[in-house]
Amino acid sequence: MKKLLALLTLAGILTLGVSTSVAQDETEAVDEATTTEQAEDSAKAEQVVEDQPETSDAEAEAEKEEEDNKALHQQIKIKFIEGSPTFMGFVLVALILGLAIAFERIIYLNLASTNTKKLLEKVESAINEGGVEAAKDVCRNTRGPIASIFYQGLDRYDAGIDVVEKSVVSYGSVQMGLLERNLTWIALFIGIAPMLGFMGTVIGMIGAFDAIEAAGDINPSLVAGGIKVALITTVSGLIVAVILQVFYNYIVSKIDGIVNDMEDASISLIDILNEYNNKKA
């Protein structure tokens, strides 16, 4: 009987110990799960907090860029007004007219450019197959100064090779004049824009000295306005001259290339006509 009671007591103790350990394990598991969830929530919160500054920084940068663009536009307008609208207006007109002529010349020269090698092949093939009249038709249907020079030379073929050569040289000079048309106006605006700026400079300095004379004292605030006008007009005139000079040099280089092609093509045309005469003879 005593052994039975001892066994029952031992079994009860073991059962109580197991239940206690299981309860402790469950409590620890719950605590771990709670801790994990709290850590995940805090991580998400930190990520959200981190993302918000990035978004706000991007928006702030975009707004800053827009403000800078607006500020640049406003600054140009303010400087234009501060630089005396009269002289700044003349400088602006010089820039607009110079750019208009430059763009017109660039378009004309691009249209005047011709594939000289291909044109010579067509002319030579037309002369060998259909004679001078066929070659004239090819030149008549081709755009550009080189085709016009060829047509003038072929049109005088019956007068002899010497006459053809002279007509090619003479009409080449005419085409060169057409290519260089209105370049003098661009050169004029290149020269006149800085002069207008310097004129504004001189007038601004005169206004500054007039203000000093009227006040009877040298005050920096009196001189600053006139000097500011002087500097703004000078810088504007120089900027306009630099811009137009770049376009002018590009146009001149384009004309030089076309003229070189005209001279080489004219020599080749004379050679083609001489070969044609030799074949006829």
C-alpha atoms as a PDB file:
ATOM      1  CA  MET A   1       0.000   0.000   0.000  1.00  0.00           C
ATOM      2  CA  LYS A   2       2.786   2.373   0.886  1.00  0.00           C
ATOM      3  CA  LYS A   3       4.561   1.530  -2.392  1.00  0.00           C
ATOM      4  CA  LEU A   4       1.395   2.289  -4.328  1.00  0.00           C
ATOM      5  CA  LEU A   5       1.014   5.664  -2.643  1.00  0.00           C
ATOM      6  CA  ALA A   6       4.683   6.449  -3.333  1.00  0.00           C
ATOM      7  CA  LEU A   7       4.259   5.551  -7.011  1.00  0.00           C
ATOM      8  CA  LEU A   8       1.132   7.685  -7.303  1.00  0.00           C
ATOM      9  CA  THR A   9       2.898  10.594  -5.611  1.00  0.00           C
ATOM     10  CA  LEU A  10       5.895  10.237  -7.957  1.00  0.00           C
ATOM     11  CA  ALA A  11       3.613  10.094 -10.995  1.00  0.00           C
ATOM     12  CA  GLY A  12       1.811  13.225  -9.858  1.00  0.00           C
ATOM     13  CA  ILE A  13       5.072  15.072  -9.353  1.00  0.00           C
ATOM     14  CA  LEU A  14       6.312  14.058 -12.830  1.00  0.00           C
ATOM     15  CA  THR A  15       3.003  15.049 -14.441  1.00  0.00           C
ATOM     16  CA  LEU A  16       3.079  18.431 -12.705  1.00  0.00           C
ATOM     17  CA  GLY A  17       6.671  19.004 -13.805  1.00  0.00           C
ATOM     18  CA  VAL A  18       5.887  18.117 -17.423  1.00  0.00           C
ATOM     19  CA  SER A  19       2.864  20.436 -17.453  1.00  0.00           C
ATOM     20  CA  THR A  20       4.921  23.240 -15.989  1.00  0.00           C
ATOM     21  CA  SER A  21       7.681  22.791 -18.589  1.00  0.00           C
ATOM     22  CA  VAL A  22       5.119  22.665 -21.427  1.00  0.00           C
ATOM     23  CA  ALA A  23       3.491  25.827 -20.152  1.00  0.00           C
ATOM     24  CA  GLN A  24       6.873  27.516 -19.924  1.00  0.00           C
ATOM     25  CA  ASP A  25       7.707  26.426 -23.502  1.00  0.00           C
ATOM     26  CA  GLU A  26       4.392  27.770 -24.788  1.00  0.00           C
ATOM     27  CA  THR A  27       4.942  31.031 -22.928  1.00  0.00           C
ATOM     28  CA  GLU A  28       8.438  31.368 -24.425  1.00  0.00           C
ATOM     29  CA  ALA A  29       7.089  30.594 -27.911  1.00  0.00           C
ATOM     30  CA  VAL A  30       4.404  33.216 -27.530  1.00  0.00           C
ATOM     31  CA  ASP A  31       6.958  35.711 -26.271  1.00  0.00           C
ATOM     32  CA  GLU A  32       9.256  34.948 -29.209  1.00  0.00           C
ATOM     33  CA  ALA A  33       6.398  35.332 -31.701  1.00  0.00           C
ATOM     34  CA  THR A  34       5.395  38.611 -30.100  1.00  0.00           C
ATOM     35  CA  THR A  35       8.984  39.839 -30.185  1.00  0.00           C
ATOM     36  CA  THR A  36       9.313  38.833 -33.852  1.00  0.00           C
ATOM     37  CA  GLU A  37       6.115  40.627 -34.798  1.00  0.00           C
ATOM     38  CA  GLN A  38       7.214  43.731 -32.926  1.00  0.00           C
ATOM     39  CA  ALA A  39      10.590  43.653 -34.711  1.00  0.00           C
ATOM     40  CA  GLU A  40       8.894  43.289 -38.108  1.00  0.00           C
ATOM     41  CA  ASP A  41       6.517  46.130 -37.341  1.00  0.00           C
ATOM     42  CA  SER A  42       9.365  48.365 -36.232  1.00  0.00           C
ATOM     43  CA  ALA A  43      11.352  47.474 -39.393  1.00  0.00           C
ATOM     44  CA  LYS A  44       8.379  48.339 -41.583  1.00  0.00           C
ATOM     45  CA  ALA A  45       7.898  51.563 -39.713  1.00  0.00           C
ATOM     46  CA  GLU A  46      11.582  52.429 -40.185  1.00  0.00           C
ATOM     47  CA  GLN A  47      11.339  51.608 -43.910  1.00  0.00           C
ATOM     48  CA  VAL A  48       8.307  53.831 -44.275  1.00  0.00           C
ATOM     49  CA  VAL A  49      10.099  56.577 -42.402  1.00  0.00           C
ATOM     50  CA  GLU A  50      13.142  56.120 -44.653  1.00  0.00           C
ATOM     51  CA  ASP A  51      11.071  56.123 -47.853  1.00  0.00           C
ATOM     52  CA  GLN A  52       9.234  59.291 -46.944  1.00  0.00           C
ATOM     53  CA  PRO A  53      12.389  61.456 -46.805  1.00  0.00           C
ATOM     54  CA  GLU A  54      13.529  60.051 -50.176  1.00  0.00           C
ATOM     55  CA  THR A  55      10.195  60.935 -51.744  1.00  0.00           C
ATOM     56  CA  SER A  56      10.194  64.329 -50.138  1.00  0.00           C
ATOM     57  CA  ASP A  57      13.817  64.902 -51.237  1.00  0.00           C
ATOM     58  CA  ALA A  58      12.951  64.022 -54.861  1.00  0.00           C
ATOM     59  CA  GLU A  59       9.979  66.355 -54.803  1.00  0.00           C
ATOM     60  CA  ALA A  60      12.102  69.073 -53.248  1.00  0.00           C
ATOM     61  CA  GLU A  61      14.765  68.661 -55.961  1.00  0.00           C
ATOM     62  CA  ALA A  62      12.135  68.812 -58.722  1.00  0.00           C
ATOM     63  CA  GLU A  63      10.643  71.947 -57.219  1.00  0.00           C
ATOM     64  CA  LYS A  64      14.100  73.443 -56.899  1.00  0.00           C
ATOM     65  CA  GLU A  65      14.869  72.760 -60.583  1.00  0.00           C
ATOM     66  CA  GLU A  66      11.596  74.393 -61.620  1.00  0.00           C
ATOM     67  CA  GLU A  67      12.391  77.382 -59.467  1.00  0.00           C
ATOM     68  CA  ASP A  68      15.887  77.599 -60.964  1.00  0.00           C
ATOM     69  CA  ASN A  69      14.473  77.522 -64.500  1.00  0.00           C
ATOM     70  CA  LYS A  70      11.947  80.182 -63.633  1.00  0.00           C
ATOM     71  CA  ALA A  71      14.633  82.155 -61.863  1.00  0.00           C
ATOM     72  CA  LEU A  72      16.906  82.022 -64.954  1.00  0.00           C
ATOM     73  CA  HIS A  73      14.111  83.224 -67.198  1.00  0.00           C
ATOM     74  CA  GLN A  74      13.243  85.989 -64.785  1.00  0.00           C
ATOM     75  CA  GLN A  75      16.894  86.983 -64.426  1.00  0.00           C
ATOM     76  CA  ILE A  76      17.270  87.340 -68.194  1.00  0.00           C
ATOM     77  CA  LYS A  77      14.205  89.566 -68.317  1.00  0.00           C
ATOM     78  CA  ILE A  78      15.444  91.630 -65.373  1.00  0.00           C
ATOM     79  CA  LYS A  79      18.926  92.046 -66.872  1.00  0.00           C
ATOM     80  CA  PHE A  80      17.407  93.038 -70.200  1.00  0.00           C
ATOM     81  CA  ILE A  81      15.380  95.767 -68.499  1.00  0.00           C
ATOM     82  CA  GLU A  82      18.278  96.874 -66.314  1.00  0.00           C
ATOM     83  CA  GLY A  83      20.597  97.109 -69.313  1.00  0.00           C
ATOM     84  CA  SER A  84      18.587  99.961 -70.850  1.00  0.00           C
ATOM     85  CA  PRO A  85      15.830  98.592 -73.128  1.00  0.00           C
ATOM     86  CA  THR A  86      16.880 100.970 -75.914  1.00  0.00           C
ATOM     87  CA  PHE A  87      20.375  99.580 -76.438  1.00  0.00           C
ATOM     88  CA  MET A  88      19.435  96.053 -75.436  1.00  0.00           C
ATOM     89  CA  GLY A  89      16.628  96.204 -78.004  1.00  0.00           C
ATOM     90  CA  PHE A  90      19.112  97.097 -80.773  1.00  0.00           C
ATOM     91  CA  VAL A  91      21.394  94.248 -79.682  1.00  0.00           C
ATOM     92  CA  LEU A  92      18.456  91.833 -79.695  1.00  0.00           C
ATOM     93  CA  VAL A  93      17.410  92.958 -83.181  1.00  0.00           C
ATOM     94  CA  ALA A  94      20.969  92.370 -84.420  1.00  0.00           C
ATOM     95  CA  LEU A  95      20.878  88.850 -82.977  1.00  0.00           C
ATOM     96  CA  ILE A  96      17.484  88.002 -84.504  1.00  0.00           C
ATOM     97  CA  LEU A  97      18.334  89.321 -87.975  1.00  0.00           C
ATOM     98  CA  GLY A  98      21.770  87.705 -87.946  1.00  0.00           C
ATOM     99  CA  LEU A  99      20.364  84.316 -86.963  1.00  0.00           C
ATOM    100  CA  ALA A 100      17.600  84.579 -89.566  1.00  0.00           C
ATOM    101  CA  ILE A 101      20.123  85.212 -92.361  1.00  0.00           C
ATOM    102  CA  ALA A 102      22.436  82.504 -91.038  1.00  0.00           C
ATOM    103  CA  PHE A 103      19.667  79.893 -90.996  1.00  0.00           C
ATOM    104  CA  GLU A 104      18.594  80.905 -94.507  1.00  0.00           C
ATOM    105  CA  ARG A 105      22.160  80.495 -95.773  1.00  0.00           C
ATOM    106  CA  ILE A 106      22.589  77.136 -94.072  1.00  0.00           C
ATOM    107  CA  ILE A 107      19.395  75.789 -95.643  1.00  0.00           C
ATOM    108  CA  TYR A 108      20.377  77.150 -99.074  1.00  0.00           C
ATOM    109  CA  LEU A 109      23.870  75.657 -98.899  1.00  0.00           C
ATOM    110  CA  ASN A 110      22.552  72.259 -97.805  1.00  0.00           C
ATOM    111  CA  LEU A 111      20.182  72.261-100.772  1.00  0.00           C
ATOM    112  CA  ALA A 112      23.030  73.367-103.052  1.00  0.00           C
ATOM    113  CA  SER A 113      25.229  70.430-102.042  1.00  0.00           C
ATOM    114  CA  THR A 114      25.404  67.749-104.735  1.00  0.00           C
ATOM    115  CA  ASN A 115      26.968  64.334-105.068  1.00  0.00           C
ATOM    116  CA  THR A 116      29.549  65.450-107.632  1.00  0.00           C
ATOM    117  CA  LYS A 117      30.873  61.977-108.409  1.00  0.00           C
ATOM    118  CA  LYS A 118      27.416  60.613-109.144  1.00  0.00           C
ATOM    119  CA  LEU A 119      26.553  63.629-111.305  1.00  0.00           C
ATOM    120  CA  LEU A 120      29.733  63.230-113.370  1.00  0.00           C
ATOM    121  CA  GLU A 121      28.940  59.561-113.927  1.00  0.00           C
ATOM    122  CA  LYS A 122      25.433  60.440-115.141  1.00  0.00           C
ATOM    123  CA  VAL A 123      26.725  63.182-117.451  1.00  0.00           C
ATOM    124  CA  GLU A 124      29.423  60.962-118.927  1.00  0.00           C
ATOM    125  CA  SER A 125      26.979  58.110-119.472  1.00  0.00           C
ATOM    126  CA  ALA A 126      24.444  60.468-121.064  1.00  0.00           C
ATOM    127  CA  ILE A 127      27.066  61.953-123.423  1.00  0.00           C
ATOM    128  CA  ASN A 128      28.254  58.516-124.526  1.00  0.00           C
ATOM    129  CA  GLU A 129      24.718  57.227-125.072  1.00  0.00           C
ATOM    130  CA  GLY A 130      22.709  60.219-126.252  1.00  0.00           C
ATOM    131  CA  GLY A 131      25.170  63.015-126.921  1.00  0.00           C
ATOM    132  CA  VAL A 132      25.333  66.522-125.467  1.00  0.00           C
ATOM    133  CA  GLU A 133      21.567  67.042-125.441  1.00  0.00           C
ATOM    134  CA  ALA A 134      21.066  64.022-123.194  1.00  0.00           C
ATOM    135  CA  ALA A 135      23.724  65.374-120.835  1.00  0.00           C
ATOM    136  CA  LYS A 136      21.960  68.757-120.794  1.00  0.00           C
ATOM    137  CA  ASP A 137      18.735  67.042-119.781  1.00  0.00           C
ATOM    138  CA  VAL A 138      20.547  65.387-116.872  1.00  0.00           C
ATOM    139  CA  CYS A 139      21.928  68.742-115.706  1.00  0.00           C
ATOM    140  CA  ARG A 140      18.566  70.447-116.179  1.00  0.00           C
ATOM    141  CA  ASN A 141      16.897  67.920-113.873  1.00  0.00           C
ATOM    142  CA  THR A 142      19.603  68.087-111.195  1.00  0.00           C
ATOM    143  CA  ARG A 143      19.599  70.642-108.405  1.00  0.00           C
ATOM    144  CA  GLY A 144      22.643  72.637-107.356  1.00  0.00           C
ATOM    145  CA  PRO A 145      25.255  75.068-108.691  1.00  0.00           C
ATOM    146  CA  ILE A 146      27.470  72.362-110.174  1.00  0.00           C
ATOM    147  CA  ALA A 147      24.669  71.104-112.418  1.00  0.00           C
ATOM    148  CA  SER A 148      23.975  74.715-113.495  1.00  0.00           C
ATOM    149  CA  ILE A 149      27.627  75.229-114.422  1.00  0.00           C
ATOM    150  CA  PHE A 150      27.611  71.980-116.394  1.00  0.00           C
ATOM    151  CA  TYR A 151      24.505  73.072-118.261  1.00  0.00           C
ATOM    152  CA  GLN A 152      26.030  76.422-119.236  1.00  0.00           C
ATOM    153  CA  GLY A 153      29.155  74.690-120.528  1.00  0.00           C
ATOM    154  CA  LEU A 154      27.273  72.018-122.459  1.00  0.00           C
ATOM    155  CA  ASP A 155      24.954  74.642-123.929  1.00  0.00           C
ATOM    156  CA  ARG A 156      27.989  76.222-125.638  1.00  0.00           C
ATOM    157  CA  TYR A 157      29.562  72.962-126.774  1.00  0.00           C
ATOM    158  CA  ASP A 158      29.084  73.780-130.459  1.00  0.00           C
ATOM    159  CA  ALA A 159      31.307  76.858-130.073  1.00  0.00           C
ATOM    160  CA  GLY A 160      34.280  74.745-129.070  1.00  0.00           C
ATOM    161  CA  ILE A 161      36.035  73.482-125.964  1.00  0.00           C
ATOM    162  CA  ASP A 162      37.711  76.835-125.314  1.00  0.00           C
ATOM    163  CA  VAL A 163      34.355  78.608-125.177  1.00  0.00           C
ATOM    164  CA  VAL A 164      32.983  75.871-122.921  1.00  0.00           C
ATOM    165  CA  GLU A 165      35.905  76.341-120.544  1.00  0.00           C
ATOM    166  CA  LYS A 166      35.468  80.120-120.430  1.00  0.00           C
ATOM    167  CA  SER A 167      31.723  79.850-119.842  1.00  0.00           C
ATOM    168  CA  VAL A 168      32.279  77.349-117.041  1.00  0.00           C
ATOM    169  CA  VAL A 169      34.756  79.675-115.317  1.00  0.00           C
ATOM    170  CA  SER A 170      32.514  82.729-115.762  1.00  0.00           C
ATOM    171  CA  TYR A 171      29.362  81.026-114.566  1.00  0.00           C
ATOM    172  CA  GLY A 172      31.297  79.526-111.686  1.00  0.00           C
ATOM    173  CA  SER A 173      31.989  83.056-110.462  1.00  0.00           C
ATOM    174  CA  VAL A 174      28.277  83.817-110.722  1.00  0.00           C
ATOM    175  CA  GLN A 175      27.399  80.754-108.633  1.00  0.00           C
ATOM    176  CA  MET A 176      30.034  81.684-106.067  1.00  0.00           C
ATOM    177  CA  GLY A 177      28.394  85.084-105.701  1.00  0.00           C
ATOM    178  CA  LEU A 178      25.031  83.402-105.107  1.00  0.00           C
ATOM    179  CA  LEU A 179      26.553  81.174-102.459  1.00  0.00           C
ATOM    180  CA  GLU A 180      28.108  84.145-100.636  1.00  0.00           C
ATOM    181  CA  ARG A 181      24.971  86.281-100.809  1.00  0.00           C
ATOM    182  CA  ASN A 182      23.956  88.034 -97.556  1.00  0.00           C
ATOM    183  CA  LEU A 183      27.173  87.052 -95.781  1.00  0.00           C
ATOM    184  CA  THR A 184      28.068  90.736 -95.566  1.00  0.00           C
ATOM    185  CA  TRP A 185      24.967  91.309 -93.439  1.00  0.00           C
ATOM    186  CA  ILE A 186      26.046  88.647 -90.955  1.00  0.00           C
ATOM    187  CA  ALA A 187      29.489  90.247 -90.810  1.00  0.00           C
ATOM    188  CA  LEU A 188      27.804  93.615 -90.240  1.00  0.00           C
ATOM    189  CA  PHE A 189      25.806  92.306 -87.272  1.00  0.00           C
ATOM    190  CA  ILE A 190      28.942  90.655 -85.863  1.00  0.00           C
ATOM    191  CA  GLY A 191      30.681  94.017 -85.910  1.00  0.00           C
ATOM    192  CA  ILE A 192      27.769  96.208 -84.873  1.00  0.00           C
ATOM    193  CA  ALA A 193      26.574  94.193 -81.846  1.00  0.00           C
ATOM    194  CA  PRO A 194      29.694  94.867 -79.705  1.00  0.00           C
ATOM    195  CA  MET A 195      29.662  98.500 -80.862  1.00  0.00           C
ATOM    196  CA  LEU A 196      26.106  98.889 -79.594  1.00  0.00           C
ATOM    197  CA  GLY A 197      27.199  97.323 -76.335  1.00  0.00           C
ATOM    198  CA  PHE A 198      30.147  99.695 -76.028  1.00  0.00           C
ATOM    199  CA  MET A 199      27.887 102.626 -76.838  1.00  0.00           C
ATOM    200  CA  GLY A 200      25.626 101.586 -73.967  1.00  0.00           C
ATOM    201  CA  THR A 201      28.744 101.365 -71.805  1.00  0.00           C
ATOM    202  CA  VAL A 202      29.797 104.908 -72.622  1.00  0.00           C
ATOM    203  CA  ILE A 203      26.301 106.286 -72.082  1.00  0.00           C
ATOM    204  CA  GLY A 204      26.016 104.427 -68.770  1.00  0.00           C
ATOM    205  CA  MET A 205      29.304 105.929 -67.590  1.00  0.00           C
ATOM    206  CA  ILE A 206      28.158 109.379 -68.660  1.00  0.00           C
ATOM    207  CA  GLY A 207      24.984 108.895 -66.605  1.00  0.00           C
ATOM    208  CA  ALA A 208      27.067 107.834 -63.606  1.00  0.00           C
ATOM    209  CA  PHE A 209      29.258 110.943 -63.796  1.00  0.00           C
ATOM    210  CA  ASP A 210      26.183 113.130 -64.234  1.00  0.00           C
ATOM    211  CA  ALA A 211      24.762 111.652 -61.038  1.00  0.00           C
ATOM    212  CA  ILE A 212      28.022 112.345 -59.203  1.00  0.00           C
ATOM    213  CA  GLU A 213      28.066 115.916 -60.478  1.00  0.00           C
ATOM    214  CA  ALA A 214      24.459 116.508 -59.423  1.00  0.00           C
ATOM    215  CA  ALA A 215      25.036 115.081 -55.935  1.00  0.00           C
ATOM    216  CA  GLY A 216      28.365 116.846 -55.447  1.00  0.00           C
ATOM    217  CA  ASP A 217      29.769 113.754 -53.763  1.00  0.00           C
ATOM    218  CA  ILE A 218      31.101 110.354 -54.812  1.00  0.00           C
ATOM    219  CA  ASN A 219      28.578 107.871 -53.494  1.00  0.00           C
ATOM    220  CA  PRO A 220      28.875 104.227 -54.601  1.00  0.00           C
ATOM    221  CA  SER A 221      25.099 103.918 -54.912  1.00  0.00           C
ATOM    222  CA  LEU A 222      25.067 106.766 -57.433  1.00  0.00           C
ATOM    223  CA  VAL A 223      27.766 105.204 -59.623  1.00  0.00           C
ATOM    224  CA  ALA A 224      26.586 101.593 -59.356  1.00  0.00           C
ATOM    225  CA  GLY A 225      23.496 102.061 -61.541  1.00  0.00           C
ATOM    226  CA  GLY A 226      25.380 103.554 -64.498  1.00  0.00           C
ATOM    227  CA  ILE A 227      28.209 101.013 -64.296  1.00  0.00           C
ATOM    228  CA  LYS A 228      25.686  98.172 -64.128  1.00  0.00           C
ATOM    229  CA  VAL A 229      23.999  99.358 -67.321  1.00  0.00           C
ATOM    230  CA  ALA A 230      27.403  99.684 -68.975  1.00  0.00           C
ATOM    231  CA  LEU A 231      28.490  96.159 -68.114  1.00  0.00           C
ATOM    232  CA  ILE A 232      25.197  94.508 -69.087  1.00  0.00           C
ATOM    233  CA  THR A 233      25.128  96.122 -72.540  1.00  0.00           C
ATOM    234  CA  THR A 234      28.768  95.244 -73.164  1.00  0.00           C
ATOM    235  CA  VAL A 235      28.311  91.590 -72.212  1.00  0.00           C
ATOM    236  CA  SER A 236      25.151  91.311 -74.334  1.00  0.00           C
ATOM    237  CA  GLY A 237      26.870  92.741 -77.406  1.00  0.00           C
ATOM    238  CA  LEU A 238      29.828  90.372 -77.026  1.00  0.00           C
ATOM    239  CA  ILE A 239      27.555  87.339 -76.596  1.00  0.00           C
ATOM    240  CA  VAL A 240      25.636  88.217 -79.776  1.00  0.00           C
ATOM    241  CA  ALA A 241      28.897  88.671 -81.701  1.00  0.00           C
ATOM    242  CA  VAL A 242      30.245  85.303 -80.538  1.00  0.00           C
ATOM    243  CA  ILE A 243      27.054  83.451 -81.521  1.00  0.00           C
ATOM    244  CA  LEU A 244      26.919  85.006 -84.990  1.00  0.00           C
ATOM    245  CA  GLN A 245      30.653  84.461 -85.522  1.00  0.00           C
ATOM    246  CA  VAL A 246      30.226  80.730 -85.015  1.00  0.00           C
ATOM    247  CA  PHE A 247      27.476  80.569 -87.652  1.00  0.00           C
ATOM    248  CA  TYR A 248      29.486  82.789 -90.005  1.00  0.00           C
ATOM    249  CA  ASN A 249      32.540  80.538 -89.872  1.00  0.00           C
ATOM    250  CA  TYR A 250      30.402  77.451 -90.463  1.00  0.00           C
ATOM    251  CA  ILE A 251      28.789  79.039 -93.526  1.00  0.00           C
ATOM    252  CA  VAL A 252      32.142  80.129 -94.936  1.00  0.00           C
ATOM    253  CA  SER A 253      33.584  76.629 -94.529  1.00  0.00           C
ATOM    254  CA  LYS A 254      30.494  75.185 -96.245  1.00  0.00           C
ATOM    255  CA  ILE A 255      30.914  77.597 -99.177  1.00  0.00           C
ATOM    256  CA  ASP A 256      34.605  76.720 -99.511  1.00  0.00           C
ATOM    257  CA  GLY A 257      33.745  73.035 -99.770  1.00  0.00           C
ATOM    258  CA  ILE A 258      31.129  73.647-102.484  1.00  0.00           C
ATOM    259  CA  VAL A 259      33.496  75.905-104.441  1.00  0.00           C
ATOM    260  CA  ASN A 260      36.234  73.257-104.372  1.00  0.00           C
ATOM    261  CA  ASP A 261      33.758  70.689-105.670  1.00  0.00           C
ATOM    262  CA  MET A 262      32.734  73.113-108.443  1.00  0.00           C
ATOM    263  CA  GLU A 263      36.323  73.595-109.594  1.00  0.00           C
ATOM    264  CA  ASP A 264      37.134  69.887-109.576  1.00  0.00           C
ATOM    265  CA  ALA A 265      33.888  69.036-111.376  1.00  0.00           C
ATOM    266  CA  SER A 266      34.510  71.695-114.035  1.00  0.00           C
ATOM    267  CA  ILE A 267      37.916  70.202-114.839  1.00  0.00           C
ATOM    268  CA  SER A 268      36.357  66.745-115.048  1.00  0.00           C
ATOM    269  CA  LEU A 269      33.649  68.036-117.416  1.00  0.00           C
ATOM    270  CA  ILE A 270      36.257  69.477-119.784  1.00  0.00           C
ATOM    271  CA  ASP A 271      38.079  66.123-119.782  1.00  0.00           C
ATOM    272  CA  ILE A 272      34.826  64.280-120.549  1.00  0.00           C
ATOM    273  CA  LEU A 273      34.095  66.596-123.489  1.00  0.00           C
ATOM    274  CA  ASN A 274      37.632  66.178-124.850  1.00  0.00           C
ATOM    275  CA  GLU A 275      37.268  62.384-124.741  1.00  0.00           C
ATOM    276  CA  TYR A 276      33.898  62.694-126.478  1.00  0.00           C
ATOM    277  CA  ASN A 277      35.456  64.800-129.244  1.00  0.00           C
ATOM    278  CA  ASN A 278      38.256  62.299-129.700  1.00  0.00           C
ATOM    279  CA  LYS A 279      35.722  59.484-130.058  1.00  0.00           C
ATOM    280  CA  LYS A 280      33.773  61.451-132.650  1.00  0.00           C
ATOM    281  CA  ALA A 281      36.906  62.197-134.603  1.00  0.00           C
END
